[in-house]
Amino acid sequence: MATSSQQTPIGTALPEATLTDHDGAVRSVQDLAADGPVLFAFLANHCPYVQHIEAVFGQVTADLAAQGLTVIGVSSNDGTTHPQDGVEGMTEQAQRAGFTFPYLRDEDQTFARAVGAACTPDLFLFDRDQRLAYRGAFDGATPGNDVAVTGDELRAAAEAVLAGEPAPAEQRPAMGCSIKWSPGNAPG
């Protein structure tokens, strides 16, 4: 069953958290964000909504990275119940989809909870001041709806933020597979 993202308020500060890379090194979210802007994309190898957009997502984010956007993929799903979303599955997905950005684990799910992530894909674009500028959909495509995968909604928001402008005021929530929370971690 599809889940829609929640609406974390625009202007929310980037929370402090850590993520783990494929070698087990712990990375600070603030260090990853550097001077911004930065996109944190909650993804999942098993999710058909992510699989539907992943190749174009890899292309669009590579284009945006060339313009100065830092892109970080995040897998927050419980690795016990969904082992395909663990490091091995993430590596396979990154190769299959042509991801050129770091793809890190939110093993304890604290980052997902802190930003209000609810589904995969779920996109959080922070500006140079590490304030949330965009939280929403990649585009209007979902599996089976016959809408072309373009990334137009993310691209418009990112290009505005890269230019020092606000992201479009109209932001459609993301829709996809729910984050697979570990016991006791699901938001209230």
Protein backbone atom coordinates (compact mmCIF):
# COMPACT_ATOMS: atom_id res chain seq x y z
CA MET A 1 0.00 0.00 0.00
CA ALA A 2 1.34 3.44 -0.93
CA THR A 3 2.19 5.98 1.73
CA SER A 4 2.41 9.74 1.23
CA SER A 5 5.10 11.82 2.82
CA GLN A 6 4.26 14.01 5.76
CA GLN A 7 4.70 17.75 5.61
CA THR A 8 7.77 18.77 7.56
CA PRO A 9 7.56 22.58 7.61
CA ILE A 10 9.64 24.52 5.11
CA GLY A 11 12.42 26.32 6.98
CA THR A 12 13.02 23.45 9.41
CA ALA A 13 16.71 23.20 10.33
CA LEU A 14 18.75 20.19 9.24
CA PRO A 15 18.83 17.98 12.35
CA GLU A 16 22.03 16.60 13.80
CA ALA A 17 22.41 12.92 13.00
CA THR A 18 24.89 10.39 11.70
CA LEU A 19 24.78 7.94 8.81
CA THR A 20 27.01 4.96 8.07
CA ASP A 21 28.80 4.29 4.79
CA HIS A 22 29.32 0.86 3.20
CA ASP A 23 32.61 0.42 5.07
CA GLY A 24 30.99 1.12 8.43
CA ALA A 25 32.41 4.63 8.81
CA VAL A 26 30.10 7.03 10.63
CA ARG A 27 29.44 10.34 8.85
CA SER A 28 27.85 13.47 10.34
CA VAL A 29 24.85 14.77 8.39
CA GLN A 30 26.13 18.33 8.89
CA ASP A 31 29.55 17.38 7.48
CA LEU A 32 27.86 15.74 4.50
CA ALA A 33 25.78 18.88 3.91
CA ALA A 34 28.94 21.04 3.94
CA ASP A 35 28.08 24.46 2.51
CA GLY A 36 24.84 23.22 0.93
CA PRO A 37 22.55 23.07 -0.75
CA VAL A 38 22.06 19.37 -0.15
CA LEU A 39 19.45 16.79 -1.10
CA PHE A 40 18.83 13.84 1.20
CA ALA A 41 16.90 11.19 -0.73
CA PHE A 42 15.33 8.35 1.23
CA LEU A 43 15.49 5.32 -1.06
CA ALA A 44 14.97 1.56 -0.90
CA ASN A 45 16.26 -1.17 -3.17
CA HIS A 46 13.11 -3.30 -2.81
CA CYS A 47 10.54 -0.50 -3.37
CA PRO A 48 8.75 -0.51 -6.77
CA TYR A 49 8.21 3.27 -6.52
CA VAL A 50 11.97 3.82 -6.22
CA GLN A 51 12.74 1.21 -8.89
CA HIS A 52 10.34 3.03 -11.23
CA ILE A 53 12.34 6.29 -11.05
CA GLU A 54 15.85 5.16 -10.11
CA ALA A 55 17.56 5.37 -13.52
CA VAL A 56 16.22 8.87 -14.24
CA PHE A 57 16.84 9.84 -10.62
CA GLY A 58 20.50 8.90 -11.11
CA GLN A 59 20.69 11.04 -14.26
CA VAL A 60 18.87 14.06 -12.81
CA THR A 61 20.90 14.06 -9.60
CA ALA A 62 24.15 13.77 -11.58
CA ASP A 63 23.08 16.83 -13.61
CA LEU A 64 22.20 18.73 -10.43
CA ALA A 65 25.46 17.70 -8.75
CA ALA A 66 27.34 19.17 -11.72
CA GLN A 67 25.53 22.44 -10.92
CA GLY A 68 26.68 22.34 -7.28
CA LEU A 69 24.05 20.29 -5.45
CA THR A 70 25.31 17.74 -2.91
CA VAL A 71 23.21 14.57 -3.14
CA ILE A 72 23.10 11.92 -0.41
CA GLY A 73 21.05 8.73 -0.70
CA VAL A 74 19.74 7.28 2.57
CA SER A 75 18.40 3.81 3.31
CA SER A 76 16.49 3.77 6.60
CA ASN A 77 14.53 0.53 6.27
CA ASP A 78 14.95 -2.13 8.94
CA GLY A 79 17.72 -4.35 7.57
CA THR A 80 16.45 -7.36 9.54
CA THR A 81 13.01 -7.43 7.97
CA HIS A 82 14.22 -6.07 4.61
CA PRO A 83 17.79 -7.33 4.11
CA GLN A 84 17.64 -6.31 0.41
CA ASP A 85 17.75 -2.70 1.67
CA GLY A 86 21.01 -3.32 3.53
CA VAL A 87 24.50 -2.47 2.29
CA GLU A 88 24.72 -5.28 -0.28
CA GLY A 89 21.36 -4.40 -1.84
CA MET A 90 22.19 -0.69 -1.77
CA THR A 91 25.45 -1.34 -3.61
CA GLU A 92 23.65 -3.41 -6.25
CA GLN A 93 20.98 -0.72 -6.66
CA ALA A 94 23.55 2.08 -6.97
CA GLN A 95 25.31 0.18 -9.76
CA ARG A 96 22.07 -0.75 -11.53
CA ALA A 97 20.67 2.80 -11.36
CA GLY A 98 23.90 4.67 -12.06
CA PHE A 99 23.90 6.53 -8.74
CA THR A 100 26.99 8.75 -8.51
CA PHE A 101 26.24 10.02 -5.00
CA PRO A 102 27.05 8.49 -1.59
CA TYR A 103 24.33 6.05 -0.50
CA LEU A 104 24.39 5.66 3.28
CA ARG A 105 22.57 3.68 5.97
CA ASP A 106 20.43 5.21 8.69
CA GLU A 107 20.73 2.02 10.70
CA ASP A 108 19.03 3.29 13.86
CA GLN A 109 16.47 5.31 11.85
CA THR A 110 17.10 8.48 13.87
CA PHE A 111 17.67 10.63 10.79
CA ALA A 112 14.44 9.46 9.13
CA ARG A 113 12.48 10.23 12.29
CA ALA A 114 14.21 13.59 12.80
CA VAL A 115 13.37 14.91 9.32
CA GLY A 116 9.94 13.27 9.15
CA ALA A 117 10.63 10.79 6.35
CA ALA A 118 7.66 8.52 5.77
CA CYS A 119 8.17 6.75 2.46
CA THR A 120 10.56 5.84 -0.32
CA PRO A 121 11.29 7.85 -2.30
CA ASP A 122 11.09 10.84 0.05
CA LEU A 123 13.15 13.91 -0.85
CA PHE A 124 14.46 16.63 1.48
CA LEU A 125 16.28 19.57 -0.10
CA PHE A 126 18.10 21.90 2.30
CA ASP A 127 19.43 25.31 1.25
CA ARG A 128 22.85 26.83 1.96
CA ASP A 129 21.69 27.77 5.46
CA GLN A 130 20.76 24.12 6.13
CA ARG A 131 17.04 24.98 6.18
CA LEU A 132 14.45 22.80 4.48
CA ALA A 133 13.54 24.36 1.13
CA TYR A 134 11.73 21.48 -0.59
CA ARG A 135 10.10 18.32 0.62
CA GLY A 136 8.22 16.38 -1.92
CA ALA A 137 7.95 14.32 -5.05
CA PHE A 138 10.51 13.65 -7.74
CA ASP A 139 7.77 14.10 -10.35
CA GLY A 140 4.25 12.85 -11.06
CA ALA A 141 5.26 9.34 -12.16
CA THR A 142 4.29 6.27 -10.19
CA PRO A 143 4.25 2.63 -11.25
CA GLY A 144 1.35 2.08 -13.62
CA ASN A 145 0.12 5.67 -14.01
CA ASP A 146 1.66 6.18 -17.49
CA VAL A 147 3.21 9.54 -16.50
CA ALA A 148 6.73 9.95 -17.87
CA VAL A 149 9.57 9.89 -15.33
CA THR A 150 11.26 13.28 -15.71
CA GLY A 151 12.27 14.55 -12.27
CA ASP A 152 10.76 17.92 -13.16
CA GLU A 153 9.52 18.74 -9.65
CA LEU A 154 12.85 18.05 -7.96
CA ARG A 155 14.79 19.75 -10.76
CA ALA A 156 12.71 22.96 -10.49
CA ALA A 157 13.17 23.08 -6.72
CA ALA A 158 16.90 22.32 -6.84
CA GLU A 159 17.65 24.80 -9.61
CA ALA A 160 15.81 27.55 -7.71
CA VAL A 161 17.70 26.79 -4.50
CA LEU A 162 21.02 26.62 -6.37
CA ALA A 163 20.25 30.10 -7.73
CA GLY A 164 19.60 31.39 -4.21
CA GLU A 165 15.85 31.57 -4.77
CA PRO A 166 13.07 29.86 -2.82
CA ALA A 167 11.79 26.54 -4.11
CA PRO A 168 8.33 26.63 -5.70
CA ALA A 169 5.62 27.17 -3.08
CA GLU A 170 3.52 24.35 -4.54
CA GLN A 171 5.10 21.14 -3.30
CA ARG A 172 3.33 17.84 -3.85
CA PRO A 173 4.02 15.18 -1.23
CA ALA A 174 6.09 12.20 -2.26
CA MET A 175 4.33 8.86 -2.52
CA GLY A 176 5.84 5.41 -2.23
CA CYS A 177 6.52 2.46 0.03
CA SER A 178 6.37 3.17 3.74
CA ILE A 179 9.64 3.20 5.64
CA LYS A 180 10.02 -0.18 7.30
CA TRP A 181 10.48 0.83 10.92
CA SER A 182 12.29 -1.34 13.45
CA PRO A 183 10.20 -2.27 16.49
CA GLY A 184 9.74 0.79 18.69
CA ASN A 185 11.09 3.26 16.09
CA ALA A 186 7.93 4.22 14.22
CA PRO A 187 6.98 7.86 14.73
CA GLY A 188 4.06 8.46 17.11
